[in-house]
């Protein structure tokens, strides 16, 4: 996949993954990769800044949970109500874009 396409849809992808359950960073990346049949393969350099940005925007919140292998608590990301509303909007925008693109065929 073209990296620009991934970057342009990163918020939608991350919010969608977190819609079902709270996850920590590595599991978010694994879940996105698994659910997309390997198409969405994030690097730490793009994943964590995006998660931080979404948290700063109030779309996600975090909580520390069980200890990781390094002995530190894992930071879990949870979608907020504002994040759910943003996800609904982003999905509608995506559907409109996809339908317009399909209309060009």
PDB file of N, CA and C in Angstrom:
ATOM      1  N   UNK A   1       0.846  -1.187   0.000  1.00  0.00           N
ATOM      2  CA  UNK A   1       0.000   0.000   0.000  1.00  0.00           C
ATOM      3  C   UNK A   1       0.882   1.238   0.000  1.00  0.00           C
ATOM      4  N   UNK A   2       0.437   2.233  -0.700  1.00  0.00           N
ATOM      5  CA  UNK A   2       1.131   3.511  -0.754  1.00  0.00           C
ATOM      6  C   UNK A   2       1.136   4.127   0.657  1.00  0.00           C
ATOM      7  N   UNK A   3       2.313   4.479   1.179  1.00  0.00           N
ATOM      8  CA  UNK A   3       2.379   5.045   2.544  1.00  0.00           C
ATOM      9  C   UNK A   3       1.541   6.309   2.714  1.00  0.00           C
ATOM     10  N   UNK A   4       1.357   7.097   1.649  1.00  0.00           N
ATOM     11  CA  UNK A   4       0.535   8.301   1.748  1.00  0.00           C
ATOM     12  C   UNK A   4      -0.925   7.953   2.008  1.00  0.00           C
ATOM     13  N   UNK A   5      -1.400   6.848   1.430  1.00  0.00           N
ATOM     14  CA  UNK A   5      -2.778   6.417   1.680  1.00  0.00           C
ATOM     15  C   UNK A   5      -2.945   6.006   3.140  1.00  0.00           C
ATOM     16  N   UNK A   6      -1.959   5.315   3.667  1.00  0.00           N
ATOM     17  CA  UNK A   6      -2.005   4.896   5.058  1.00  0.00           C
ATOM     18  C   UNK A   6      -2.000   6.117   5.978  1.00  0.00           C
ATOM     19  N   UNK A   7      -1.084   7.047   5.727  1.00  0.00           N
ATOM     20  CA  UNK A   7      -0.996   8.258   6.544  1.00  0.00           C
ATOM     21  C   UNK A   7      -2.288   9.062   6.496  1.00  0.00           C
ATOM     22  N   UNK A   8      -2.885   9.166   5.320  1.00  0.00           N
ATOM     23  CA  UNK A   8      -4.090   9.963   5.156  1.00  0.00           C
ATOM     24  C   UNK A   8      -5.312   9.371   5.834  1.00  0.00           C
ATOM     25  N   UNK A   9      -5.245   8.108   6.178  1.00  0.00           N
ATOM     26  CA  UNK A   9      -6.383   7.430   6.803  1.00  0.00           C
ATOM     27  C   UNK A   9      -6.051   6.871   8.181  1.00  0.00           C
ATOM     28  N   UNK A  10      -4.935   7.284   8.728  1.00  0.00           N
ATOM     29  CA  UNK A  10      -4.459   6.724   9.994  1.00  0.00           C
ATOM     30  C   UNK A  10      -5.442   6.940  11.135  1.00  0.00           C
ATOM     31  N   UNK A  11      -6.018   8.127  11.240  1.00  0.00           N
ATOM     32  CA  UNK A  11      -6.964   8.394  12.327  1.00  0.00           C
ATOM     33  C   UNK A  11      -8.162   7.453  12.231  1.00  0.00           C
ATOM     34  N   UNK A  12      -8.708   7.307  11.038  1.00  0.00           N
ATOM     35  CA  UNK A  12      -9.847   6.418  10.829  1.00  0.00           C
ATOM     36  C   UNK A  12      -9.488   4.988  11.208  1.00  0.00           C
ATOM     37  N   UNK A  13      -8.323   4.533  10.800  1.00  0.00           N
ATOM     38  CA  UNK A  13      -7.888   3.163  11.094  1.00  0.00           C
ATOM     39  C   UNK A  13      -7.737   2.960  12.597  1.00  0.00           C
ATOM     40  N   UNK A  14      -7.039   3.867  13.268  1.00  0.00           N
ATOM     41  CA  UNK A  14      -6.794   3.713  14.703  1.00  0.00           C
ATOM     42  C   UNK A  14      -8.085   3.784  15.511  1.00  0.00           C
ATOM     43  N   UNK A  15      -8.949   4.722  15.188  1.00  0.00           N
ATOM     44  CA  UNK A  15     -10.218   4.823  15.911  1.00  0.00           C
ATOM     45  C   UNK A  15     -11.069   3.573  15.685  1.00  0.00           C
ATOM     46  N   UNK A  16     -11.036   3.038  14.482  1.00  0.00           N
ATOM     47  CA  UNK A  16     -11.794   1.826  14.184  1.00  0.00           C
ATOM     48  C   UNK A  16     -11.272   0.642  14.994  1.00  0.00           C
ATOM     49  N   UNK A  17      -9.952   0.504  15.071  1.00  0.00           N
ATOM     50  CA  UNK A  17      -9.366  -0.598  15.842  1.00  0.00           C
ATOM     51  C   UNK A  17      -9.752  -0.476  17.313  1.00  0.00           C
ATOM     52  N   UNK A  18      -9.746   0.734  17.829  1.00  0.00           N
ATOM     53  CA  UNK A  18     -10.021   0.939  19.254  1.00  0.00           C
ATOM     54  C   UNK A  18     -11.507   1.007  19.581  1.00  0.00           C
ATOM     55  N   UNK A  19     -12.351   0.969  18.578  1.00  0.00           N
ATOM     56  CA  UNK A  19     -13.789   1.018  18.802  1.00  0.00           C
ATOM     57  C   UNK A  19     -14.269  -0.179  19.619  1.00  0.00           C
ATOM     58  N   UNK A  20     -13.682  -1.351  19.388  1.00  0.00           N
ATOM     59  CA  UNK A  20     -14.112  -2.584  20.061  1.00  0.00           C
ATOM     60  C   UNK A  20     -13.609  -2.712  21.491  1.00  0.00           C
ATOM     61  N   UNK A  21     -12.344  -2.332  21.698  1.00  0.00           N
ATOM     62  CA  UNK A  21     -11.738  -2.520  23.021  1.00  0.00           C
ATOM     63  C   UNK A  21     -10.490  -1.661  23.166  1.00  0.00           C
ATOM     64  N   UNK A  22     -10.119  -1.410  24.402  1.00  0.00           N
ATOM     65  CA  UNK A  22      -8.897  -0.691  24.706  1.00  0.00           C
ATOM     66  C   UNK A  22      -7.710  -1.616  24.453  1.00  0.00           C
ATOM     67  N   UNK A  23      -6.657  -1.062  23.862  1.00  0.00           N
ATOM     68  CA  UNK A  23      -5.448  -1.834  23.559  1.00  0.00           C
ATOM     69  C   UNK A  23      -4.220  -0.970  23.815  1.00  0.00           C
ATOM     70  N   UNK A  24      -3.078  -1.617  24.001  1.00  0.00           N
ATOM     71  CA  UNK A  24      -1.813  -0.890  24.098  1.00  0.00           C
ATOM     72  C   UNK A  24      -1.174  -0.855  22.714  1.00  0.00           C
ATOM     73  N   UNK A  25      -0.187   0.009  22.545  1.00  0.00           N
ATOM     74  CA  UNK A  25       0.380   0.304  21.240  1.00  0.00           C
ATOM     75  C   UNK A  25       0.712  -0.891  20.365  1.00  0.00           C
ATOM     76  N   UNK A  26       1.501  -1.827  20.868  1.00  0.00           N
ATOM     77  CA  UNK A  26       1.910  -2.968  20.066  1.00  0.00           C
ATOM     78  C   UNK A  26       0.703  -3.785  19.620  1.00  0.00           C
ATOM     79  N   UNK A  27      -0.275  -3.956  20.520  1.00  0.00           N
ATOM     80  CA  UNK A  27      -1.488  -4.716  20.181  1.00  0.00           C
ATOM     81  C   UNK A  27      -2.351  -3.963  19.167  1.00  0.00           C
ATOM     82  N   UNK A  28      -2.340  -2.639  19.208  1.00  0.00           N
ATOM     83  CA  UNK A  28      -3.063  -1.855  18.210  1.00  0.00           C
ATOM     84  C   UNK A  28      -2.481  -2.151  16.831  1.00  0.00           C
ATOM     85  N   UNK A  29      -1.158  -2.111  16.741  1.00  0.00           N
ATOM     86  CA  UNK A  29      -0.485  -2.395  15.469  1.00  0.00           C
ATOM     87  C   UNK A  29      -0.783  -3.813  14.996  1.00  0.00           C
ATOM     88  N   UNK A  30      -0.726  -4.772  15.906  1.00  0.00           N
ATOM     89  CA  UNK A  30      -1.017  -6.170  15.550  1.00  0.00           C
ATOM     90  C   UNK A  30      -2.456  -6.331  15.068  1.00  0.00           C
ATOM     91  N   UNK A  31      -3.371  -5.719  15.769  1.00  0.00           N
ATOM     92  CA  UNK A  31      -4.792  -5.831  15.429  1.00  0.00           C
ATOM     93  C   UNK A  31      -5.066  -5.210  14.055  1.00  0.00           C
ATOM     94  N   UNK A  32      -4.494  -4.050  13.797  1.00  0.00           N
ATOM     95  CA  UNK A  32      -4.684  -3.404  12.493  1.00  0.00           C
ATOM     96  C   UNK A  32      -4.122  -4.280  11.378  1.00  0.00           C
ATOM     97  N   UNK A  33      -2.963  -4.852  11.610  1.00  0.00           N
ATOM     98  CA  UNK A  33      -2.341  -5.709  10.599  1.00  0.00           C
ATOM     99  C   UNK A  33      -3.163  -6.975  10.368  1.00  0.00           C
ATOM    100  N   UNK A  34      -3.608  -7.605  11.442  1.00  0.00           N
ATOM    101  CA  UNK A  34      -4.394  -8.837  11.336  1.00  0.00           C
ATOM    102  C   UNK A  34      -5.726  -8.582  10.645  1.00  0.00           C
ATOM    103  N   UNK A  35      -6.437  -7.552  11.097  1.00  0.00           N
ATOM    104  CA  UNK A  35      -7.774  -7.285  10.555  1.00  0.00           C
ATOM    105  C   UNK A  35      -7.738  -6.761   9.126  1.00  0.00           C
ATOM    106  N   UNK A  36      -6.591  -6.277   8.667  1.00  0.00           N
ATOM    107  CA  UNK A  36      -6.465  -5.791   7.289  1.00  0.00           C
ATOM    108  C   UNK A  36      -5.725  -6.797   6.402  1.00  0.00           C
ATOM    109  N   UNK A  37      -5.568  -8.018   6.895  1.00  0.00           N
ATOM    110  CA  UNK A  37      -4.828  -9.052   6.153  1.00  0.00           C
ATOM    111  C   UNK A  37      -3.424  -8.586   5.757  1.00  0.00           C
ATOM    112  N   UNK A  38      -2.772  -7.883   6.689  1.00  0.00           N
ATOM    113  CA  UNK A  38      -1.391  -7.466   6.498  1.00  0.00           C
ATOM    114  C   UNK A  38      -1.202  -6.153   5.776  1.00  0.00           C
ATOM    115  N   UNK A  39      -2.261  -5.530   5.319  1.00  0.00           N
ATOM    116  CA  UNK A  39      -2.143  -4.288   4.554  1.00  0.00           C
ATOM    117  C   UNK A  39      -1.728  -3.106   5.426  1.00  0.00           C
ATOM    118  N   UNK A  40      -2.269  -3.032   6.647  1.00  0.00           N
ATOM    119  CA  UNK A  40      -1.946  -1.926   7.549  1.00  0.00           C
ATOM    120  C   UNK A  40      -0.860  -2.381   8.517  1.00  0.00           C
ATOM    121  N   UNK A  41       0.368  -2.098   8.166  1.00  0.00           N
ATOM    122  CA  UNK A  41       1.535  -2.504   8.953  1.00  0.00           C
ATOM    123  C   UNK A  41       2.239  -1.240   9.432  1.00  0.00           C
ATOM    124  N   UNK A  42       1.955  -0.837  10.667  1.00  0.00           N
ATOM    125  CA  UNK A  42       2.466   0.422  11.198  1.00  0.00           C
ATOM    126  C   UNK A  42       3.875   0.295  11.751  1.00  0.00           C
ATOM    127  N   UNK A  43       4.624   1.337  11.610  1.00  0.00           N
ATOM    128  CA  UNK A  43       5.924   1.482  12.255  1.00  0.00           C
ATOM    129  C   UNK A  43       5.715   2.332  13.516  1.00  0.00           C
ATOM    130  N   UNK A  44       6.561   2.110  14.507  1.00  0.00           N
ATOM    131  CA  UNK A  44       6.447   2.881  15.750  1.00  0.00           C
ATOM    132  C   UNK A  44       6.517   4.378  15.484  1.00  0.00           C
ATOM    133  N   UNK A  45       7.319   4.765  14.504  1.00  0.00           N
ATOM    134  CA  UNK A  45       7.504   6.181  14.192  1.00  0.00           C
ATOM    135  C   UNK A  45       6.262   6.880  13.688  1.00  0.00           C
ATOM    136  N   UNK A  46       5.290   6.123  13.206  1.00  0.00           N
ATOM    137  CA  UNK A  46       4.030   6.742  12.786  1.00  0.00           C
ATOM    138  C   UNK A  46       2.905   6.437  13.778  1.00  0.00           C
ATOM    139  N   UNK A  47       2.952   5.270  14.405  1.00  0.00           N
ATOM    140  CA  UNK A  47       1.875   4.862  15.308  1.00  0.00           C
ATOM    141  C   UNK A  47       1.818   5.722  16.567  1.00  0.00           C
ATOM    142  N   UNK A  48       2.911   5.810  17.297  1.00  0.00           N
ATOM    143  CA  UNK A  48       2.871   6.489  18.592  1.00  0.00           C
ATOM    144  C   UNK A  48       2.640   8.000  18.475  1.00  0.00           C
ATOM    145  N   UNK A  49       3.229   8.680  17.502  1.00  0.00           N
ATOM    146  CA  UNK A  49       2.871  10.095  17.349  1.00  0.00           C
ATOM    147  C   UNK A  49       1.379  10.293  17.024  1.00  0.00           C
ATOM    148  N   UNK A  50       0.802   9.393  16.236  1.00  0.00           N
ATOM    149  CA  UNK A  50      -0.626   9.498  15.912  1.00  0.00           C
ATOM    150  C   UNK A  50      -1.476   9.256  17.155  1.00  0.00           C
ATOM    151  N   UNK A  51      -1.116   8.256  17.952  1.00  0.00           N
ATOM    152  CA  UNK A  51      -1.855   7.997  19.185  1.00  0.00           C
ATOM    153  C   UNK A  51      -1.754   9.190  20.134  1.00  0.00           C
ATOM    154  N   UNK A  52      -0.588   9.782  20.225  1.00  0.00           N
ATOM    155  CA  UNK A  52      -0.398  10.959  21.084  1.00  0.00           C
ATOM    156  C   UNK A  52      -1.258  12.126  20.575  1.00  0.00           C
ATOM    157  N   UNK A  53      -1.252  12.343  19.268  1.00  0.00           N
ATOM    158  CA  UNK A  53      -2.029  13.428  18.670  1.00  0.00           C
ATOM    159  C   UNK A  53      -3.523  13.223  18.918  1.00  0.00           C
ATOM    160  N   UNK A  54      -4.011  11.988  18.745  1.00  0.00           N
ATOM    161  CA  UNK A  54      -5.427  11.700  18.983  1.00  0.00           C
ATOM    162  C   UNK A  54      -5.791  11.870  20.461  1.00  0.00           C
ATOM    163  N   UNK A  55      -4.853  11.556  21.343  1.00  0.00           N
ATOM    164  CA  UNK A  55      -5.067  11.748  22.777  1.00  0.00           C
ATOM    165  C   UNK A  55      -5.130  13.241  23.091  1.00  0.00           C
ATOM    166  N   UNK A  56      -4.198  14.000  22.533  1.00  0.00           N
ATOM    167  CA  UNK A  56      -4.180  15.457  22.752  1.00  0.00           C
ATOM    168  C   UNK A  56      -5.462  16.106  22.239  1.00  0.00           C
ATOM    169  N   UNK A  57      -6.030  15.546  21.175  1.00  0.00           N
ATOM    170  CA  UNK A  57      -7.259  16.091  20.585  1.00  0.00           C
ATOM    171  C   UNK A  57      -8.511  15.646  21.342  1.00  0.00           C
ATOM    172  N   UNK A  58      -8.365  14.782  22.340  1.00  0.00           N
ATOM    173  CA  UNK A  58      -9.498  14.324  23.133  1.00  0.00           C
ATOM    174  C   UNK A  58     -10.275  13.175  22.505  1.00  0.00           C
ATOM    175  N   UNK A  59      -9.728  12.579  21.442  1.00  0.00           N
ATOM    176  CA  UNK A  59     -10.406  11.464  20.787  1.00  0.00           C
ATOM    177  C   UNK A  59     -10.088  10.132  21.462  1.00  0.00           C
ATOM    178  N   UNK A  60      -8.964  10.110  22.160  1.00  0.00           N
ATOM    179  CA  UNK A  60      -8.546   8.937  22.933  1.00  0.00           C
ATOM    180  C   UNK A  60      -8.179   9.385  24.326  1.00  0.00           C
ATOM    181  N   UNK A  61      -8.204   8.450  25.239  1.00  0.00           N
ATOM    182  CA  UNK A  61      -7.672   8.662  26.578  1.00  0.00           C
ATOM    183  C   UNK A  61      -6.796   7.455  26.887  1.00  0.00           C
ATOM    184  N   UNK A  62      -6.007   7.540  27.931  1.00  0.00           N
ATOM    185  CA  UNK A  62      -5.116   6.434  28.265  1.00  0.00           C
ATOM    186  C   UNK A  62      -5.298   6.031  29.724  1.00  0.00           C
ATOM    187  N   UNK A  63      -4.924   4.793  29.988  1.00  0.00           N
ATOM    188  CA  UNK A  63      -4.834   4.330  31.374  1.00  0.00           C
ATOM    189  C   UNK A  63      -3.747   3.272  31.443  1.00  0.00           C
ATOM    190  N   UNK A  64      -3.028   3.294  32.542  1.00  0.00           N
ATOM    191  CA  UNK A  64      -1.979   2.300  32.762  1.00  0.00           C
ATOM    192  C   UNK A  64      -2.623   1.033  33.313  1.00  0.00           C
ATOM    193  N   UNK A  65      -2.187  -0.095  32.755  1.00  0.00           N
ATOM    194  CA  UNK A  65      -2.715  -1.386  33.200  1.00  0.00           C
ATOM    195  C   UNK A  65      -1.560  -2.311  33.539  1.00  0.00           C
ATOM    196  N   UNK A  66      -1.687  -3.597  33.224  1.00  0.00           N
ATOM    197  CA  UNK A  66      -0.704  -4.601  33.657  1.00  0.00           C
ATOM    198  C   UNK A  66       0.714  -4.247  33.215  1.00  0.00           C
ATOM    199  N   UNK A  67       1.657  -4.857  33.897  1.00  0.00           N
ATOM    200  CA  UNK A  67       3.059  -4.604  33.601  1.00  0.00           C
ATOM    201  C   UNK A  67       3.476  -5.305  32.322  1.00  0.00           C
ATOM    202  N   UNK A  68       4.280  -4.605  31.548  1.00  0.00           N
ATOM    203  CA  UNK A  68       4.845  -5.193  30.340  1.00  0.00           C
ATOM    204  C   UNK A  68       6.103  -5.975  30.676  1.00  0.00           C
ATOM    205  N   UNK A  69       6.775  -6.467  29.647  1.00  0.00           N
ATOM    206  CA  UNK A  69       7.998  -7.258  29.864  1.00  0.00           C
ATOM    207  C   UNK A  69       9.100  -6.450  30.514  1.00  0.00           C
ATOM    208  N   UNK A  70       9.058  -5.123  30.331  1.00  0.00           N
ATOM    209  CA  UNK A  70      10.090  -4.272  30.918  1.00  0.00           C
ATOM    210  C   UNK A  70       9.780  -3.883  32.365  1.00  0.00           C
ATOM    211  N   UNK A  71       8.667  -4.395  32.910  1.00  0.00           N
ATOM    212  CA  UNK A  71       8.302  -4.103  34.291  1.00  0.00           C
ATOM    213  C   UNK A  71       7.521  -2.822  34.464  1.00  0.00           C
ATOM    214  N   UNK A  72       7.303  -2.079  33.391  1.00  0.00           N
ATOM    215  CA  UNK A  72       6.530  -0.837  33.457  1.00  0.00           C
ATOM    216  C   UNK A  72       5.080  -1.117  33.059  1.00  0.00           C
ATOM    217  N   UNK A  73       4.156  -0.316  33.597  1.00  0.00           N
ATOM    218  CA  UNK A  73       2.753  -0.511  33.201  1.00  0.00           C
ATOM    219  C   UNK A  73       2.565  -0.219  31.717  1.00  0.00           C
ATOM    220  N   UNK A  74       1.709  -1.001  31.090  1.00  0.00           N
ATOM    221  CA  UNK A  74       1.373  -0.757  29.686  1.00  0.00           C
ATOM    222  C   UNK A  74       0.322   0.345  29.610  1.00  0.00           C
ATOM    223  N   UNK A  75       0.520   1.263  28.651  1.00  0.00           N
ATOM    224  CA  UNK A  75      -0.430   2.347  28.442  1.00  0.00           C
ATOM    225  C   UNK A  75      -1.482   1.867  27.447  1.00  0.00           C
ATOM    226  N   UNK A  76      -2.710   1.750  27.919  1.00  0.00           N
ATOM    227  CA  UNK A  76      -3.828   1.352  27.061  1.00  0.00           C
ATOM    228  C   UNK A  76      -4.520   2.596  26.527  1.00  0.00           C
ATOM    229  N   UNK A  77      -4.942   2.527  25.283  1.00  0.00           N
ATOM    230  CA  UNK A  77      -5.648   3.621  24.623  1.00  0.00           C
ATOM    231  C   UNK A  77      -7.121   3.256  24.524  1.00  0.00           C
ATOM    232  N   UNK A  78      -7.986   4.189  24.940  1.00  0.00           N
ATOM    233  CA  UNK A  78      -9.435   3.990  24.932  1.00  0.00           C
ATOM    234  C   UNK A  78     -10.064   5.112  24.116  1.00  0.00           C
ATOM    235  N   UNK A  79     -11.035   4.771  23.296  1.00  0.00           N
ATOM    236  CA  UNK A  79     -11.733   5.789  22.517  1.00  0.00           C
ATOM    237  C   UNK A  79     -12.718   6.523  23.426  1.00  0.00           C
ATOM    238  N   UNK A  80     -12.782   7.830  23.293  1.00  0.00           N
ATOM    239  CA  UNK A  80     -13.705   8.650  24.081  1.00  0.00           C
ATOM    240  C   UNK A  80     -15.016   8.833  23.303  1.00  0.00           C
ATOM    241  N   UNK A  81     -15.998   9.425  23.949  1.00  0.00           N
ATOM    242  CA  UNK A  81     -17.251   9.735  23.242  1.00  0.00           C
ATOM    243  C   UNK A  81     -16.983  10.699  22.093  1.00  0.00           C
ATOM    244  N   UNK A  82     -16.084  11.665  22.307  1.00  0.00           N
ATOM    245  CA  UNK A  82     -15.702  12.576  21.230  1.00  0.00           C
ATOM    246  C   UNK A  82     -15.043  11.800  20.099  1.00  0.00           C
ATOM    247  N   UNK A  83     -14.240  10.803  20.456  1.00  0.00           N
ATOM    248  CA  UNK A  83     -13.600   9.957  19.458  1.00  0.00           C
ATOM    249  C   UNK A  83     -14.609   9.138  18.673  1.00  0.00           C
ATOM    250  N   UNK A  84     -15.632   8.644  19.357  1.00  0.00           N
ATOM    251  CA  UNK A  84     -16.687   7.881  18.669  1.00  0.00           C
ATOM    252  C   UNK A  84     -17.448   8.770  17.681  1.00  0.00           C
ATOM    253  N   UNK A  85     -17.706  10.002  18.086  1.00  0.00           N
ATOM    254  CA  UNK A  85     -18.382  10.940  17.184  1.00  0.00           C
ATOM    255  C   UNK A  85     -17.491  11.247  15.975  1.00  0.00           C
ATOM    256  N   UNK A  86     -16.201  11.433  16.230  1.00  0.00           N
ATOM    257  CA  UNK A  86     -15.261  11.685  15.127  1.00  0.00           C
ATOM    258  C   UNK A  86     -15.182  10.480  14.196  1.00  0.00           C
ATOM    259  N   UNK A  87     -15.221   9.278  14.761  1.00  0.00           N
ATOM    260  CA  UNK A  87     -15.191   8.063  13.951  1.00  0.00           C
ATOM    261  C   UNK A  87     -16.417   7.996  13.044  1.00  0.00           C
ATOM    262  N   UNK A  88     -17.570   8.323  13.567  1.00  0.00           N
ATOM    263  CA  UNK A  88     -18.791   8.340  12.761  1.00  0.00           C
ATOM    264  C   UNK A  88     -18.653   9.325  11.603  1.00  0.00           C
ATOM    265  N   UNK A  89     -18.126  10.499  11.881  1.00  0.00           N
ATOM    266  CA  UNK A  89     -17.919  11.510  10.842  1.00  0.00           C
ATOM    267  C   UNK A  89     -16.909  11.038   9.807  1.00  0.00           C
ATOM    268  N   UNK A  90     -15.797  10.481  10.262  1.00  0.00           N
ATOM    269  CA  UNK A  90     -14.757  10.007   9.344  1.00  0.00           C
ATOM    270  C   UNK A  90     -15.256   8.861   8.468  1.00  0.00           C
ATOM    271  N   UNK A  91     -16.066   7.995   9.032  1.00  0.00           N
ATOM    272  CA  UNK A  91     -16.638   6.900   8.229  1.00  0.00           C
ATOM    273  C   UNK A  91     -17.573   7.449   7.151  1.00  0.00           C
ATOM    274  N   UNK A  92     -18.378   8.432   7.510  1.00  0.00           N
ATOM    275  CA  UNK A  92     -19.287   9.040   6.533  1.00  0.00           C
ATOM    276  C   UNK A  92     -18.495   9.714   5.419  1.00  0.00           C
ATOM    277  N   UNK A  93     -17.418  10.406   5.784  1.00  0.00           N
ATOM    278  CA  UNK A  93     -16.562  11.047   4.776  1.00  0.00           C
ATOM    279  C   UNK A  93     -15.933  10.003   3.862  1.00  0.00           C
ATOM    280  N   UNK A  94     -15.467   8.910   4.465  1.00  0.00           N
ATOM    281  CA  UNK A  94     -14.844   7.840   3.682  1.00  0.00           C
ATOM    282  C   UNK A  94     -15.849   7.217   2.715  1.00  0.00           C
ATOM    283  N   UNK A  95     -17.060   6.981   3.196  1.00  0.00           N
ATOM    284  CA  UNK A  95     -18.103   6.388   2.358  1.00  0.00           C
ATOM    285  C   UNK A  95     -18.437   7.309   1.190  1.00  0.00           C
ATOM    286  N   UNK A  96     -18.555   8.589   1.444  1.00  0.00           N
ATOM    287  CA  UNK A  96     -18.818   9.566   0.395  1.00  0.00           C
ATOM    288  C   UNK A  96     -17.692   9.567  -0.639  1.00  0.00           C
ATOM    289  N   UNK A  97     -16.456   9.546  -0.178  1.00  0.00           N
ATOM    290  CA  UNK A  97     -15.294   9.518  -1.076  1.00  0.00           C
ATOM    291  C   UNK A  97     -15.285   8.228  -1.905  1.00  0.00           C
ATOM    292  N   UNK A  98     -15.489   7.094  -1.237  1.00  0.00           N
ATOM    293  CA  UNK A  98     -15.482   5.800  -1.939  1.00  0.00           C
ATOM    294  C   UNK A  98     -16.590   5.741  -2.978  1.00  0.00           C
ATOM    295  N   UNK A  99     -17.775   6.222  -2.621  1.00  0.00           N
ATOM    296  CA  UNK A  99     -18.887   6.208  -3.564  1.00  0.00           C
ATOM    297  C   UNK A  99     -18.606   7.107  -4.778  1.00  0.00           C
ATOM    298  N   UNK A 100     -17.990   8.268  -4.532  1.00  0.00           N
ATOM    299  CA  UNK A 100     -17.638   9.162  -5.636  1.00  0.00           C
ATOM    300  C   UNK A 100     -16.594   8.527  -6.535  1.00  0.00           C
ATOM    301  N   UNK A 101     -15.633   7.855  -5.935  1.00  0.00           N
ATOM    302  CA  UNK A 101     -14.600   7.171  -6.718  1.00  0.00           C
ATOM    303  C   UNK A 101     -15.224   6.042  -7.541  1.00  0.00           C
ATOM    304  N   UNK A 102     -16.108   5.277  -6.912  1.00  0.00           N
ATOM    305  CA  UNK A 102     -16.803   4.208  -7.638  1.00  0.00           C
ATOM    306  C   UNK A 102     -17.603   4.771  -8.811  1.00  0.00           C
ATOM    307  N   UNK A 103     -18.162   5.980  -8.648  1.00  0.00           N
ATOM    308  CA  UNK A 103     -18.939   6.610  -9.708  1.00  0.00           C
ATOM    309  C   UNK A 103     -18.097   6.961 -10.928  1.00  0.00           C
ATOM    310  N   UNK A 104     -16.796   7.064 -10.737  1.00  0.00           N
ATOM    311  CA  UNK A 104     -15.908   7.362 -11.858  1.00  0.00           C
ATOM    312  C   UNK A 104     -15.657   6.154 -12.737  1.00  0.00           C
ATOM    313  N   UNK A 105     -15.979   4.965 -12.224  1.00  0.00           N
ATOM    314  CA  UNK A 105     -15.716   3.738 -12.968  1.00  0.00           C
ATOM    315  C   UNK A 105     -16.660   3.561 -14.131  1.00  0.00           C
TER     316      UNK A 105
END
